[in-house]
Amino acid sequence: MSRARVDALREALATRVVVADGAMGTMLQAQDPSMEDFQQLEGCNEVLNVTRPDIVRTVHEAYFS
C-alpha cells in the first residue's frame, strides 16, 4: 500500500466512521476456532472478541494489509 493511501486511511479512521465490507465471518471461521472458543455458542463470531482476540486481530491485520 502506498504511503499516500496509508495516510488517507489513517485520516479517515481518525475523523469519521469507516465501514470495511468483506468476508469477516468466513475469515474468522478459517482460523478454526473451537467450541470452547465460542463458549459453546457455535458460530457466534462476536464472542471471539472476548475469548480469542488474537484471531480477530489476525483477520483485521489481513484486511489492512
Protein backbone atom coordinates (compact mmCIF):
# COMPACT_ATOMS: atom_id res chain seq x y z
CA MET A 1 0.00 0.00 0.00
CA SER A 2 1.39 3.40 -0.92
CA ARG A 3 2.25 5.94 1.76
CA ALA A 4 -0.45 8.28 0.45
CA ARG A 5 -3.09 5.55 0.79
CA VAL A 6 -1.91 4.71 4.31
CA ASP A 7 -2.10 8.38 5.29
CA ALA A 8 -5.57 8.71 3.75
CA LEU A 9 -6.79 5.64 5.64
CA ARG A 10 -5.37 6.92 8.92
CA GLU A 11 -7.02 10.29 8.36
CA ALA A 12 -10.36 8.62 7.63
CA LEU A 13 -10.12 6.43 10.73
CA ALA A 14 -9.30 9.44 12.88
CA THR A 15 -12.11 11.65 11.61
CA ARG A 16 -15.13 9.52 10.76
CA VAL A 17 -16.76 6.11 10.93
CA VAL A 18 -15.20 3.74 8.39
CA VAL A 19 -17.06 0.65 7.23
CA ALA A 20 -14.99 -2.16 5.74
CA ASP A 21 -17.08 -4.75 3.96
CA GLY A 22 -15.78 -8.25 3.44
CA ALA A 23 -15.97 -11.87 4.44
CA MET A 24 -15.24 -11.33 8.13
CA GLY A 25 -17.15 -14.40 9.29
CA THR A 26 -15.55 -16.61 6.68
CA MET A 27 -12.10 -15.37 7.63
CA LEU A 28 -12.80 -15.96 11.33
CA GLN A 29 -14.04 -19.49 10.64
CA ALA A 30 -10.90 -20.18 8.57
CA GLN A 31 -8.91 -19.72 11.80
CA ASP A 32 -10.63 -22.92 13.02
CA PRO A 33 -11.92 -21.75 16.41
CA SER A 34 -13.05 -24.49 18.79
CA MET A 35 -16.40 -24.86 20.52
CA GLU A 36 -14.61 -23.77 23.69
CA ASP A 37 -13.57 -20.56 21.89
CA PHE A 38 -17.25 -19.99 21.08
CA GLN A 39 -18.23 -20.72 24.72
CA GLN A 40 -20.50 -23.45 23.36
CA LEU A 41 -22.33 -20.88 21.17
CA GLU A 42 -21.48 -22.45 17.83
CA GLY A 43 -20.89 -19.90 15.11
CA CYS A 44 -21.30 -16.86 17.39
CA ASN A 45 -18.36 -14.95 15.99
CA GLU A 46 -18.94 -11.99 18.31
CA VAL A 47 -17.82 -13.99 21.35
CA LEU A 48 -14.39 -14.40 19.75
CA ASN A 49 -13.71 -10.75 20.59
CA VAL A 50 -13.52 -11.86 24.22
CA THR A 51 -12.27 -15.43 24.02
CA ARG A 52 -9.85 -15.21 21.06
CA PRO A 53 -8.91 -11.60 20.38
CA ASP A 54 -5.79 -12.94 18.65
CA ILE A 55 -7.96 -14.46 15.91
CA VAL A 56 -9.96 -11.25 15.47
CA ARG A 57 -6.74 -9.22 15.38
CA THR A 58 -5.26 -11.51 12.71
CA VAL A 59 -8.31 -11.01 10.49
CA HIS A 60 -8.22 -7.23 10.91
CA GLU A 61 -4.49 -7.19 10.11
CA ALA A 62 -5.22 -9.16 6.94
CA TYR A 63 -7.81 -6.55 5.90
CA PHE A 64 -5.37 -3.70 6.48
CA SER A 65 -2.55 -5.40 4.58
